[in-house]
């Protein structure tokens, strides 16, 4: 039977461990505006608006690397503004401390840039809880790809299983692609289910993680 030390829990960042004000919808519209201005939009706005942000940027990069670069600059600007006044979830430190005490390995997997992520984790005194911190500067492809999950697992030899915890459909699809269980959190369950996420559980707040048995099936 698996022990907690055999299981890594991989956490999303935004709206899971911290609450930022990144305007993801507004960001998507700005990226679509650039694609349309460049004649690089392969579908109407109402279709593109459902795409993950990395997918929108990839569409630009496929047409012109300079366009892709401009799109990433817009993403970075939106992240910087949104993280400026971010706050840690009130339960984050206590839950992470309890999970570490049980023996679990912990990781962060986020599509955000490394500099901003590290600064916020340090500010909120969350950095010491994590064995691996994976950002968009570290991985080959961003969520909903499973590349970041494999990045984490490659750096934790000996673990026998992993779970992904996040608030969004891209987290659920990344977990599904990696064939690991997904725990959803927060108010966006309906959207996640509509987009193909298959959560093992859906919780309202972080402390409910302490009621789950992450060793089952491992």
N, C-alpha and C. Protein backbone atom coordinates (compact mmCIF):
# COMPACT_ATOMS: atom_id res chain seq x y z
N UNK A 1 0.84 -1.20 0.00
CA UNK A 1 0.00 0.00 0.00
C UNK A 1 0.87 1.25 0.00
N UNK A 2 0.48 2.24 -0.77
CA UNK A 2 1.26 3.47 -0.85
C UNK A 2 1.16 4.26 0.44
N UNK A 3 2.22 4.96 0.75
CA UNK A 3 2.26 5.88 1.87
C UNK A 3 2.18 7.30 1.34
N UNK A 4 1.80 8.27 2.20
CA UNK A 4 1.75 9.66 1.73
C UNK A 4 3.05 10.13 1.08
N UNK A 5 4.21 9.65 1.58
CA UNK A 5 5.48 10.10 1.00
C UNK A 5 5.66 9.63 -0.44
N UNK A 6 4.84 8.64 -0.84
CA UNK A 6 4.92 8.13 -2.21
C UNK A 6 4.11 8.96 -3.20
N UNK A 7 3.34 9.91 -2.70
CA UNK A 7 2.39 10.66 -3.52
C UNK A 7 2.75 12.14 -3.54
N UNK A 8 2.88 12.70 -4.74
CA UNK A 8 3.09 14.14 -4.88
C UNK A 8 1.77 14.81 -5.20
N UNK A 9 1.48 15.88 -4.52
CA UNK A 9 0.31 16.69 -4.79
C UNK A 9 0.76 17.93 -5.54
N UNK A 10 0.26 18.11 -6.76
CA UNK A 10 0.69 19.20 -7.63
C UNK A 10 -0.41 20.26 -7.64
N UNK A 11 -0.07 21.45 -7.20
CA UNK A 11 -1.04 22.53 -7.07
C UNK A 11 -0.93 23.54 -8.20
N UNK A 12 -2.06 23.92 -8.75
CA UNK A 12 -2.15 25.14 -9.54
C UNK A 12 -1.90 26.32 -8.60
N UNK A 13 -1.65 27.51 -9.18
CA UNK A 13 -1.39 28.68 -8.35
C UNK A 13 -2.58 29.63 -8.28
N UNK A 14 -2.90 30.27 -9.41
CA UNK A 14 -3.96 31.29 -9.42
C UNK A 14 -5.31 30.70 -9.05
N UNK A 15 -5.96 31.32 -8.08
CA UNK A 15 -7.30 30.93 -7.64
C UNK A 15 -7.35 29.53 -7.04
N UNK A 16 -6.17 29.04 -6.67
CA UNK A 16 -6.06 27.78 -5.94
C UNK A 16 -5.32 28.04 -4.63
N UNK A 17 -4.05 28.44 -4.74
CA UNK A 17 -3.27 28.79 -3.55
C UNK A 17 -3.27 30.29 -3.28
N UNK A 18 -3.35 31.08 -4.34
CA UNK A 18 -3.41 32.53 -4.18
C UNK A 18 -4.59 33.06 -4.99
N UNK A 19 -4.98 34.28 -4.65
CA UNK A 19 -6.07 34.93 -5.38
C UNK A 19 -5.52 36.22 -5.99
N UNK A 20 -5.37 36.20 -7.30
CA UNK A 20 -4.86 37.37 -8.01
C UNK A 20 -6.02 38.07 -8.69
N UNK A 21 -5.71 39.16 -9.36
CA UNK A 21 -6.73 39.89 -10.11
C UNK A 21 -6.42 39.86 -11.60
N UNK A 22 -5.75 38.81 -12.05
CA UNK A 22 -5.46 38.69 -13.48
C UNK A 22 -6.78 38.59 -14.25
N UNK A 23 -6.95 39.46 -15.22
CA UNK A 23 -8.17 39.50 -16.02
C UNK A 23 -8.00 38.55 -17.20
N UNK A 24 -8.27 37.27 -16.99
CA UNK A 24 -8.02 36.28 -18.03
C UNK A 24 -8.94 36.49 -19.23
N UNK A 25 -10.19 36.89 -19.01
CA UNK A 25 -11.09 37.13 -20.12
C UNK A 25 -10.63 38.33 -20.94
N UNK A 26 -10.30 39.41 -20.26
CA UNK A 26 -9.80 40.58 -20.97
C UNK A 26 -8.52 40.29 -21.72
N UNK A 27 -7.66 39.46 -21.12
CA UNK A 27 -6.40 39.07 -21.76
C UNK A 27 -6.68 38.30 -23.04
N UNK A 28 -7.61 37.38 -22.99
CA UNK A 28 -7.95 36.63 -24.20
C UNK A 28 -8.42 37.57 -25.30
N UNK A 29 -9.26 38.54 -24.95
CA UNK A 29 -9.73 39.48 -25.97
C UNK A 29 -8.57 40.27 -26.58
N UNK A 30 -7.61 40.69 -25.77
CA UNK A 30 -6.47 41.44 -26.30
C UNK A 30 -5.64 40.57 -27.25
N UNK A 31 -5.46 39.31 -26.90
CA UNK A 31 -4.69 38.42 -27.77
C UNK A 31 -5.44 38.16 -29.07
N UNK A 32 -6.74 38.00 -28.99
CA UNK A 32 -7.54 37.79 -30.20
C UNK A 32 -7.49 39.03 -31.08
N UNK A 33 -7.52 40.20 -30.46
CA UNK A 33 -7.40 41.45 -31.24
C UNK A 33 -6.11 41.44 -32.06
N UNK A 34 -5.01 41.02 -31.44
CA UNK A 34 -3.74 40.98 -32.17
C UNK A 34 -3.79 39.98 -33.31
N UNK A 35 -4.36 38.81 -33.06
CA UNK A 35 -4.47 37.81 -34.12
C UNK A 35 -5.30 38.34 -35.29
N UNK A 36 -6.40 38.98 -34.96
CA UNK A 36 -7.26 39.51 -36.02
C UNK A 36 -6.58 40.64 -36.78
N UNK A 37 -5.87 41.49 -36.08
CA UNK A 37 -5.17 42.60 -36.75
C UNK A 37 -4.11 42.08 -37.70
N UNK A 38 -3.51 40.94 -37.37
CA UNK A 38 -2.48 40.35 -38.20
C UNK A 38 -3.04 39.41 -39.26
N UNK A 39 -4.37 39.27 -39.30
CA UNK A 39 -4.97 38.33 -40.24
C UNK A 39 -4.65 36.89 -39.92
N UNK A 40 -4.41 36.61 -38.62
CA UNK A 40 -3.97 35.28 -38.20
C UNK A 40 -5.00 34.55 -37.37
N UNK A 41 -6.22 35.07 -37.32
CA UNK A 41 -7.25 34.42 -36.52
C UNK A 41 -7.92 33.32 -37.35
N UNK A 42 -7.80 32.06 -36.93
CA UNK A 42 -8.34 30.96 -37.73
C UNK A 42 -9.82 30.69 -37.50
N UNK A 43 -10.43 31.44 -36.59
CA UNK A 43 -11.83 31.21 -36.24
C UNK A 43 -12.41 32.51 -35.69
N UNK A 44 -13.73 32.62 -35.60
CA UNK A 44 -14.34 33.82 -35.03
C UNK A 44 -13.98 34.01 -33.56
N UNK A 45 -14.16 35.23 -33.09
CA UNK A 45 -13.84 35.55 -31.70
C UNK A 45 -14.58 34.64 -30.72
N UNK A 46 -15.85 34.37 -31.01
CA UNK A 46 -16.64 33.57 -30.06
C UNK A 46 -16.12 32.14 -29.95
N UNK A 47 -15.37 31.68 -30.92
CA UNK A 47 -14.73 30.37 -30.84
C UNK A 47 -13.38 30.49 -30.14
N UNK A 48 -12.59 31.47 -30.54
CA UNK A 48 -11.26 31.63 -29.97
C UNK A 48 -11.29 31.96 -28.49
N UNK A 49 -12.34 32.61 -28.04
CA UNK A 49 -12.40 33.03 -26.65
C UNK A 49 -12.42 31.83 -25.70
N UNK A 50 -12.73 30.66 -26.22
CA UNK A 50 -12.76 29.44 -25.39
C UNK A 50 -11.40 28.75 -25.34
N UNK A 51 -10.44 29.25 -26.11
CA UNK A 51 -9.12 28.61 -26.14
C UNK A 51 -8.30 28.98 -24.92
N UNK A 52 -7.41 28.08 -24.52
CA UNK A 52 -6.44 28.40 -23.48
C UNK A 52 -5.50 29.48 -23.99
N UNK A 53 -5.04 30.32 -23.10
CA UNK A 53 -4.15 31.42 -23.49
C UNK A 53 -2.90 30.93 -24.21
N UNK A 54 -2.22 29.87 -23.75
CA UNK A 54 -1.05 29.40 -24.51
C UNK A 54 -1.40 28.99 -25.94
N UNK A 55 -2.59 28.47 -26.14
CA UNK A 55 -3.01 28.08 -27.48
C UNK A 55 -3.17 29.31 -28.38
N UNK A 56 -3.72 30.40 -27.83
CA UNK A 56 -3.85 31.63 -28.61
C UNK A 56 -2.48 32.17 -29.02
N UNK A 57 -1.55 32.16 -28.07
CA UNK A 57 -0.21 32.64 -28.39
C UNK A 57 0.45 31.74 -29.44
N UNK A 58 0.23 30.45 -29.34
CA UNK A 58 0.81 29.52 -30.31
C UNK A 58 0.30 29.80 -31.72
N UNK A 59 -0.95 30.22 -31.82
CA UNK A 59 -1.48 30.58 -33.14
C UNK A 59 -0.70 31.76 -33.72
N UNK A 60 -0.38 32.73 -32.87
CA UNK A 60 0.41 33.86 -33.33
C UNK A 60 1.83 33.47 -33.69
N UNK A 61 2.44 32.63 -32.86
CA UNK A 61 3.81 32.20 -33.11
C UNK A 61 3.93 31.43 -34.42
N UNK A 62 2.88 30.69 -34.76
CA UNK A 62 2.90 29.90 -35.99
C UNK A 62 2.92 30.79 -37.23
N UNK A 63 2.36 31.98 -37.11
CA UNK A 63 2.31 32.92 -38.24
C UNK A 63 3.58 33.75 -38.31
N UNK A 64 4.03 34.25 -37.14
CA UNK A 64 5.17 35.16 -37.11
C UNK A 64 5.74 35.16 -35.69
N UNK A 65 7.00 34.77 -35.51
CA UNK A 65 7.58 34.80 -34.16
C UNK A 65 7.48 36.16 -33.49
N UNK A 66 7.54 37.23 -34.28
CA UNK A 66 7.42 38.57 -33.70
C UNK A 66 6.02 38.78 -33.13
N UNK A 67 5.01 38.25 -33.80
CA UNK A 67 3.64 38.34 -33.29
C UNK A 67 3.52 37.55 -31.99
N UNK A 68 4.09 36.37 -31.97
CA UNK A 68 4.06 35.58 -30.75
C UNK A 68 4.75 36.29 -29.60
N UNK A 69 5.87 36.93 -29.89
CA UNK A 69 6.59 37.68 -28.85
C UNK A 69 5.73 38.81 -28.30
N UNK A 70 5.07 39.53 -29.20
CA UNK A 70 4.20 40.63 -28.76
C UNK A 70 3.06 40.12 -27.89
N UNK A 71 2.55 38.95 -28.23
CA UNK A 71 1.46 38.37 -27.44
C UNK A 71 1.96 37.96 -26.05
N UNK A 72 3.15 37.38 -25.98
CA UNK A 72 3.69 37.02 -24.67
C UNK A 72 3.94 38.26 -23.81
N UNK A 73 4.31 39.37 -24.44
CA UNK A 73 4.50 40.60 -23.68
C UNK A 73 3.18 41.07 -23.07
N UNK A 74 2.10 40.92 -23.81
CA UNK A 74 0.79 41.29 -23.27
C UNK A 74 0.41 40.37 -22.11
N UNK A 75 0.72 39.07 -22.26
CA UNK A 75 0.45 38.13 -21.17
C UNK A 75 1.25 38.53 -19.92
N UNK A 76 2.52 38.83 -20.11
CA UNK A 76 3.37 39.19 -18.97
C UNK A 76 2.87 40.46 -18.28
N UNK A 77 2.42 41.42 -19.07
CA UNK A 77 1.89 42.66 -18.50
C UNK A 77 0.65 42.38 -17.66
N UNK A 78 -0.26 41.55 -18.19
CA UNK A 78 -1.48 41.22 -17.47
C UNK A 78 -1.16 40.47 -16.17
N UNK A 79 -0.20 39.56 -16.23
CA UNK A 79 0.20 38.83 -15.03
C UNK A 79 0.76 39.79 -13.98
N UNK A 80 1.64 40.68 -14.41
CA UNK A 80 2.27 41.61 -13.46
C UNK A 80 1.22 42.46 -12.76
N UNK A 81 0.28 42.97 -13.53
CA UNK A 81 -0.78 43.78 -12.93
C UNK A 81 -1.65 42.96 -11.99
N UNK A 82 -1.98 41.75 -12.41
CA UNK A 82 -2.87 40.92 -11.62
C UNK A 82 -2.23 40.39 -10.34
N UNK A 83 -0.91 40.18 -10.37
CA UNK A 83 -0.22 39.66 -9.20
C UNK A 83 0.16 40.76 -8.21
N UNK A 84 0.12 42.00 -8.66
CA UNK A 84 0.56 43.11 -7.81
C UNK A 84 -0.19 43.15 -6.48
N UNK A 85 -1.48 42.87 -6.53
CA UNK A 85 -2.29 42.94 -5.32
C UNK A 85 -2.86 41.57 -4.94
N UNK A 86 -2.17 40.51 -5.36
CA UNK A 86 -2.62 39.16 -5.04
C UNK A 86 -2.50 38.91 -3.54
N UNK A 87 -3.34 38.00 -3.05
CA UNK A 87 -3.26 37.59 -1.65
C UNK A 87 -3.26 36.07 -1.59
N UNK A 88 -2.63 35.56 -0.58
CA UNK A 88 -2.65 34.12 -0.37
C UNK A 88 -4.02 33.70 0.14
N UNK A 89 -4.45 32.51 -0.28
CA UNK A 89 -5.67 31.97 0.31
C UNK A 89 -5.46 31.81 1.82
N UNK A 90 -6.46 32.17 2.59
CA UNK A 90 -6.34 32.13 4.05
C UNK A 90 -5.97 30.75 4.58
N UNK A 91 -6.34 29.71 3.84
CA UNK A 91 -6.10 28.34 4.31
C UNK A 91 -4.83 27.72 3.74
N UNK A 92 -4.16 28.42 2.82
CA UNK A 92 -3.07 27.80 2.07
C UNK A 92 -1.95 27.30 2.98
N UNK A 93 -1.40 28.16 3.81
CA UNK A 93 -0.26 27.76 4.63
C UNK A 93 -0.61 26.61 5.57
N UNK A 94 -1.75 26.68 6.22
CA UNK A 94 -2.14 25.64 7.15
C UNK A 94 -2.35 24.30 6.48
N UNK A 95 -2.99 24.31 5.32
CA UNK A 95 -3.24 23.06 4.60
C UNK A 95 -1.93 22.47 4.08
N UNK A 96 -1.09 23.31 3.49
CA UNK A 96 0.19 22.81 2.99
C UNK A 96 1.05 22.25 4.12
N UNK A 97 1.03 22.91 5.25
CA UNK A 97 1.80 22.43 6.41
C UNK A 97 1.28 21.07 6.86
N UNK A 98 -0.03 20.91 6.89
CA UNK A 98 -0.62 19.65 7.32
C UNK A 98 -0.31 18.52 6.34
N UNK A 99 -0.35 18.82 5.05
CA UNK A 99 -0.04 17.80 4.05
C UNK A 99 1.42 17.39 4.11
N UNK A 100 2.30 18.36 4.34
CA UNK A 100 3.72 18.03 4.49
C UNK A 100 3.93 17.18 5.74
N UNK A 101 3.22 17.52 6.80
CA UNK A 101 3.35 16.76 8.04
C UNK A 101 2.93 15.31 7.85
N UNK A 102 1.99 15.07 6.98
CA UNK A 102 1.55 13.71 6.69
C UNK A 102 2.59 12.95 5.85
N UNK A 103 3.48 13.70 5.20
CA UNK A 103 4.53 13.07 4.41
C UNK A 103 4.45 13.31 2.93
N UNK A 104 3.42 13.98 2.45
CA UNK A 104 3.27 14.19 1.02
C UNK A 104 4.37 15.08 0.46
N UNK A 105 4.78 14.79 -0.77
CA UNK A 105 5.61 15.71 -1.54
C UNK A 105 4.65 16.72 -2.19
N UNK A 106 5.08 17.95 -2.31
CA UNK A 106 4.23 19.01 -2.84
C UNK A 106 4.94 19.74 -3.97
N UNK A 107 4.15 20.19 -4.96
CA UNK A 107 4.69 20.94 -6.09
C UNK A 107 3.68 21.98 -6.53
N UNK A 108 4.19 23.00 -7.23
CA UNK A 108 3.36 24.01 -7.89
C UNK A 108 3.57 23.88 -9.39
N UNK A 109 2.48 23.94 -10.14
CA UNK A 109 2.55 23.95 -11.60
C UNK A 109 1.66 25.08 -12.09
N UNK A 110 2.27 26.09 -12.71
CA UNK A 110 1.52 27.26 -13.15
C UNK A 110 1.96 27.69 -14.53
N UNK A 111 1.05 28.29 -15.28
CA UNK A 111 1.38 28.86 -16.58
C UNK A 111 1.99 30.25 -16.47
N UNK A 112 2.11 30.78 -15.26
CA UNK A 112 2.67 32.11 -15.06
C UNK A 112 4.20 32.07 -15.17
N UNK A 113 4.80 33.26 -15.36
CA UNK A 113 6.24 33.38 -15.47
C UNK A 113 6.91 33.17 -14.11
N UNK A 114 8.12 32.65 -14.15
CA UNK A 114 8.81 32.23 -12.94
C UNK A 114 9.09 33.38 -11.97
N UNK A 115 9.54 34.52 -12.48
CA UNK A 115 9.94 35.62 -11.59
C UNK A 115 8.78 36.05 -10.70
N UNK A 116 7.60 36.26 -11.30
CA UNK A 116 6.45 36.70 -10.52
C UNK A 116 5.97 35.63 -9.56
N UNK A 117 6.03 34.38 -9.98
CA UNK A 117 5.60 33.28 -9.11
C UNK A 117 6.48 33.17 -7.88
N UNK A 118 7.79 33.17 -8.10
CA UNK A 118 8.71 33.03 -6.97
C UNK A 118 8.57 34.20 -6.00
N UNK A 119 8.39 35.40 -6.54
CA UNK A 119 8.25 36.57 -5.68
C UNK A 119 7.03 36.44 -4.78
N UNK A 120 5.92 35.99 -5.34
CA UNK A 120 4.69 35.87 -4.54
C UNK A 120 4.77 34.73 -3.54
N UNK A 121 5.32 33.60 -3.94
CA UNK A 121 5.45 32.50 -3.00
C UNK A 121 6.36 32.88 -1.84
N UNK A 122 7.41 33.63 -2.14
CA UNK A 122 8.28 34.12 -1.06
C UNK A 122 7.54 35.11 -0.17
N UNK A 123 6.81 36.03 -0.80
CA UNK A 123 6.08 37.03 -0.03
C UNK A 123 5.10 36.39 0.95
N UNK A 124 4.46 35.31 0.52
CA UNK A 124 3.45 34.66 1.35
C UNK A 124 4.04 33.52 2.20
N UNK A 125 5.38 33.39 2.17
CA UNK A 125 6.07 32.36 2.96
C UNK A 125 5.60 30.95 2.61
N UNK A 126 5.30 30.71 1.34
CA UNK A 126 4.85 29.40 0.90
C UNK A 126 5.95 28.57 0.24
N UNK A 127 7.03 29.22 -0.18
CA UNK A 127 8.08 28.54 -0.93
C UNK A 127 8.61 27.28 -0.22
N UNK A 128 8.87 27.32 1.08
CA UNK A 128 9.48 26.15 1.73
C UNK A 128 8.64 24.88 1.69
N UNK A 129 7.36 25.00 1.39
CA UNK A 129 6.50 23.81 1.38
C UNK A 129 6.73 22.94 0.14
N UNK A 130 7.36 23.48 -0.91
CA UNK A 130 7.35 22.82 -2.21
C UNK A 130 8.69 22.19 -2.57
N UNK A 131 8.60 20.96 -3.09
CA UNK A 131 9.77 20.27 -3.61
C UNK A 131 10.11 20.74 -5.02
N UNK A 132 9.09 21.09 -5.79
CA UNK A 132 9.28 21.53 -7.18
C UNK A 132 8.34 22.70 -7.44
N UNK A 133 8.85 23.72 -8.13
CA UNK A 133 8.03 24.83 -8.59
C UNK A 133 8.24 24.92 -10.10
N UNK A 134 7.20 24.64 -10.86
CA UNK A 134 7.28 24.59 -12.32
C UNK A 134 6.45 25.72 -12.92
N UNK A 135 7.09 26.56 -13.71
CA UNK A 135 6.44 27.71 -14.33
C UNK A 135 6.56 27.62 -15.84
N UNK A 136 6.04 28.62 -16.54
CA UNK A 136 6.10 28.54 -18.00
C UNK A 136 7.52 28.69 -18.53
N UNK A 137 8.43 29.18 -17.71
CA UNK A 137 9.83 29.27 -18.12
C UNK A 137 10.55 27.93 -18.01
N UNK A 138 9.90 26.96 -17.40
CA UNK A 138 10.56 25.69 -17.10
C UNK A 138 10.11 24.54 -17.99
N UNK A 139 8.89 24.59 -18.51
CA UNK A 139 8.30 23.41 -19.14
C UNK A 139 8.22 23.57 -20.65
N UNK A 140 8.12 22.44 -21.33
CA UNK A 140 8.08 22.46 -22.79
C UNK A 140 6.75 22.94 -23.34
N UNK A 141 5.67 22.69 -22.63
CA UNK A 141 4.34 23.11 -23.06
C UNK A 141 3.50 23.38 -21.82
N UNK A 142 2.57 24.31 -21.95
CA UNK A 142 1.79 24.77 -20.81
C UNK A 142 0.45 24.04 -20.73
N UNK A 143 -0.14 24.07 -19.53
CA UNK A 143 -1.48 23.50 -19.37
C UNK A 143 -2.42 24.15 -20.39
N UNK A 144 -3.27 23.36 -21.04
CA UNK A 144 -3.74 22.01 -20.69
C UNK A 144 -2.85 20.84 -21.10
N UNK A 145 -1.64 21.11 -21.61
CA UNK A 145 -0.70 20.02 -21.85
C UNK A 145 -0.29 19.39 -20.52
N UNK A 146 0.07 18.12 -20.58
CA UNK A 146 0.56 17.42 -19.39
C UNK A 146 2.07 17.55 -19.22
N UNK A 147 2.72 18.35 -20.06
CA UNK A 147 4.19 18.45 -20.01
C UNK A 147 4.68 18.88 -18.63
N UNK A 148 3.97 19.81 -18.00
CA UNK A 148 4.40 20.29 -16.69
C UNK A 148 4.30 19.23 -15.62
N UNK A 149 3.30 18.37 -15.72
CA UNK A 149 3.17 17.26 -14.77
C UNK A 149 4.36 16.32 -14.91
N UNK A 150 4.73 16.01 -16.14
CA UNK A 150 5.88 15.14 -16.36
C UNK A 150 7.17 15.81 -15.88
N UNK A 151 7.26 17.12 -16.05
CA UNK A 151 8.42 17.87 -15.55
C UNK A 151 8.56 17.67 -14.04
N UNK A 152 7.44 17.81 -13.33
CA UNK A 152 7.46 17.63 -11.87
C UNK A 152 7.87 16.20 -11.51
N UNK A 153 7.25 15.22 -12.14
CA UNK A 153 7.51 13.82 -11.80
C UNK A 153 8.96 13.42 -12.10
N UNK A 154 9.53 14.00 -13.16
CA UNK A 154 10.92 13.69 -13.49
C UNK A 154 11.88 14.17 -12.41
N UNK A 155 11.45 15.15 -11.63
CA UNK A 155 12.31 15.71 -10.59
C UNK A 155 12.03 15.13 -9.21
N UNK A 156 11.15 14.16 -9.15
CA UNK A 156 10.83 13.51 -7.89
C UNK A 156 10.90 12.00 -8.06
N UNK A 157 12.09 11.49 -8.28
CA UNK A 157 12.23 10.03 -8.46
C UNK A 157 11.76 9.29 -7.22
N UNK A 158 11.09 8.21 -7.47
CA UNK A 158 10.63 7.38 -6.36
C UNK A 158 9.18 7.56 -6.00
N UNK A 159 8.54 8.65 -6.47
CA UNK A 159 7.12 8.80 -6.16
C UNK A 159 6.33 7.78 -6.96
N UNK A 160 5.24 7.30 -6.37
CA UNK A 160 4.44 6.26 -7.02
C UNK A 160 3.14 6.79 -7.60
N UNK A 161 2.82 8.02 -7.31
CA UNK A 161 1.57 8.57 -7.81
C UNK A 161 1.54 10.07 -7.66
N UNK A 162 0.59 10.70 -8.33
CA UNK A 162 0.45 12.16 -8.28
C UNK A 162 -1.02 12.53 -8.44
N UNK A 163 -1.39 13.64 -7.83
CA UNK A 163 -2.70 14.26 -8.01
C UNK A 163 -2.48 15.71 -8.40
N UNK A 164 -3.38 16.24 -9.22
CA UNK A 164 -3.34 17.66 -9.57
C UNK A 164 -4.54 18.35 -8.94
N UNK A 165 -4.28 19.48 -8.29
CA UNK A 165 -5.33 20.26 -7.64
C UNK A 165 -5.39 21.63 -8.27
N UNK A 166 -6.54 22.00 -8.83
CA UNK A 166 -6.65 23.30 -9.49
C UNK A 166 -8.09 23.71 -9.67
N UNK A 167 -8.26 24.94 -10.15
CA UNK A 167 -9.60 25.52 -10.23
C UNK A 167 -10.17 25.54 -11.63
N UNK A 168 -9.38 25.20 -12.65
CA UNK A 168 -9.79 25.48 -14.02
C UNK A 168 -9.81 24.23 -14.90
N UNK A 169 -10.51 24.36 -16.02
CA UNK A 169 -10.61 23.24 -16.94
C UNK A 169 -9.25 22.84 -17.49
N UNK A 170 -8.33 23.80 -17.66
CA UNK A 170 -7.02 23.43 -18.19
C UNK A 170 -6.27 22.52 -17.22
N UNK A 171 -6.51 22.68 -15.92
CA UNK A 171 -5.91 21.78 -14.94
C UNK A 171 -6.47 20.37 -15.11
N UNK A 172 -7.78 20.30 -15.25
CA UNK A 172 -8.42 19.00 -15.42
C UNK A 172 -7.96 18.27 -16.66
N UNK A 173 -7.81 19.01 -17.77
CA UNK A 173 -7.37 18.35 -19.01
C UNK A 173 -5.91 17.92 -18.93
N UNK A 174 -5.08 18.73 -18.26
CA UNK A 174 -3.68 18.33 -18.07
C UNK A 174 -3.59 17.04 -17.27
N UNK A 175 -4.39 16.95 -16.20
CA UNK A 175 -4.40 15.73 -15.39
C UNK A 175 -4.89 14.54 -16.20
N UNK A 176 -5.93 14.76 -16.99
CA UNK A 176 -6.46 13.66 -17.80
C UNK A 176 -5.42 13.16 -18.80
N UNK A 177 -4.70 14.10 -19.43
CA UNK A 177 -3.67 13.71 -20.40
C UNK A 177 -2.54 12.93 -19.73
N UNK A 178 -2.23 13.31 -18.49
CA UNK A 178 -1.16 12.62 -17.75
C UNK A 178 -1.65 11.36 -17.06
N UNK A 179 -2.95 11.10 -17.12
CA UNK A 179 -3.56 9.92 -16.48
C UNK A 179 -3.34 9.92 -14.97
N UNK A 180 -3.52 11.11 -14.36
CA UNK A 180 -3.48 11.20 -12.90
C UNK A 180 -4.80 11.80 -12.42
N UNK A 181 -5.17 11.57 -11.16
CA UNK A 181 -6.44 12.12 -10.66
C UNK A 181 -6.38 13.64 -10.52
N UNK A 182 -7.54 14.25 -10.65
CA UNK A 182 -7.70 15.70 -10.56
C UNK A 182 -8.71 16.04 -9.48
N UNK A 183 -8.35 17.00 -8.63
CA UNK A 183 -9.29 17.55 -7.65
C UNK A 183 -9.54 19.00 -8.03
N UNK A 184 -10.80 19.33 -8.32
CA UNK A 184 -11.16 20.70 -8.64
C UNK A 184 -11.51 21.48 -7.39
N UNK A 185 -11.30 22.80 -7.46
CA UNK A 185 -11.61 23.65 -6.32
C UNK A 185 -12.23 24.95 -6.80
N UNK A 186 -13.19 25.44 -6.04
CA UNK A 186 -13.76 26.75 -6.35
C UNK A 186 -15.05 26.67 -7.13
N UNK A 187 -15.45 27.81 -7.73
CA UNK A 187 -16.79 27.93 -8.29
C UNK A 187 -16.95 27.52 -9.75
N UNK A 188 -15.89 27.05 -10.39
CA UNK A 188 -15.97 26.85 -11.85
C UNK A 188 -16.12 25.38 -12.25
N UNK A 189 -16.81 24.62 -11.44
CA UNK A 189 -16.98 23.19 -11.72
C UNK A 189 -17.75 22.96 -13.01
N UNK A 190 -18.81 23.71 -13.22
CA UNK A 190 -19.65 23.49 -14.40
C UNK A 190 -18.85 23.68 -15.68
N UNK A 191 -18.08 24.75 -15.75
CA UNK A 191 -17.26 25.01 -16.93
C UNK A 191 -16.23 23.90 -17.12
N UNK A 192 -15.59 23.49 -16.03
CA UNK A 192 -14.58 22.44 -16.12
C UNK A 192 -15.18 21.15 -16.67
N UNK A 193 -16.36 20.79 -16.19
CA UNK A 193 -17.01 19.57 -16.67
C UNK A 193 -17.38 19.69 -18.14
N UNK A 194 -17.88 20.86 -18.52
CA UNK A 194 -18.26 21.08 -19.92
C UNK A 194 -17.06 20.96 -20.85
N UNK A 195 -15.87 21.34 -20.35
CA UNK A 195 -14.67 21.31 -21.20
C UNK A 195 -13.93 19.99 -21.14
N UNK A 196 -14.46 19.02 -20.41
CA UNK A 196 -13.89 17.68 -20.44
C UNK A 196 -13.08 17.27 -19.23
N UNK A 197 -13.03 18.09 -18.19
CA UNK A 197 -12.34 17.68 -16.98
C UNK A 197 -13.10 16.53 -16.33
N UNK A 198 -12.36 15.65 -15.66
CA UNK A 198 -12.96 14.48 -15.02
C UNK A 198 -12.47 14.41 -13.57
N UNK A 199 -12.97 15.28 -12.70
CA UNK A 199 -12.46 15.34 -11.33
C UNK A 199 -12.83 14.11 -10.51
N UNK A 200 -11.87 13.69 -9.69
CA UNK A 200 -12.15 12.65 -8.70
C UNK A 200 -12.99 13.23 -7.57
N UNK A 201 -12.80 14.54 -7.34
CA UNK A 201 -13.57 15.25 -6.32
C UNK A 201 -13.57 16.72 -6.69
N UNK A 202 -14.58 17.42 -6.16
CA UNK A 202 -14.62 18.88 -6.34
C UNK A 202 -14.90 19.48 -4.96
N UNK A 203 -14.04 20.40 -4.56
CA UNK A 203 -14.13 20.96 -3.21
C UNK A 203 -14.35 22.47 -3.29
N UNK A 204 -14.89 23.02 -2.22
CA UNK A 204 -15.15 24.46 -2.17
C UNK A 204 -13.97 25.24 -1.64
N UNK A 205 -13.18 24.62 -0.74
CA UNK A 205 -12.06 25.33 -0.14
C UNK A 205 -10.93 24.36 0.18
N UNK A 206 -9.74 24.91 0.35
CA UNK A 206 -8.54 24.09 0.47
C UNK A 206 -8.59 23.11 1.63
N UNK A 207 -9.16 23.50 2.75
CA UNK A 207 -9.10 22.61 3.91
C UNK A 207 -9.82 21.30 3.68
N UNK A 208 -10.69 21.23 2.68
CA UNK A 208 -11.35 19.96 2.37
C UNK A 208 -10.38 18.93 1.82
N UNK A 209 -9.20 19.37 1.37
CA UNK A 209 -8.19 18.42 0.92
C UNK A 209 -7.77 17.48 2.04
N UNK A 210 -7.85 17.96 3.26
CA UNK A 210 -7.41 17.15 4.40
C UNK A 210 -8.35 15.99 4.69
N UNK A 211 -9.51 16.00 4.05
CA UNK A 211 -10.46 14.90 4.21
C UNK A 211 -10.30 13.82 3.14
N UNK A 212 -9.42 14.05 2.17
CA UNK A 212 -9.26 13.11 1.06
C UNK A 212 -8.11 12.16 1.33
N UNK A 213 -8.25 10.94 0.83
CA UNK A 213 -7.19 9.93 0.93
C UNK A 213 -6.49 9.85 -0.41
N UNK A 214 -5.32 10.47 -0.50
CA UNK A 214 -4.59 10.53 -1.76
C UNK A 214 -3.79 9.25 -2.03
N UNK A 215 -3.76 8.33 -1.07
CA UNK A 215 -3.02 7.09 -1.28
C UNK A 215 -3.86 6.01 -1.93
N UNK A 216 -5.15 6.22 -2.02
CA UNK A 216 -5.99 5.17 -2.59
C UNK A 216 -5.70 5.00 -4.07
N UNK A 217 -5.59 3.77 -4.46
CA UNK A 217 -5.34 3.46 -5.87
C UNK A 217 -3.92 3.64 -6.31
N UNK A 218 -3.03 4.09 -5.39
CA UNK A 218 -1.63 4.32 -5.80
C UNK A 218 -0.80 3.06 -5.58
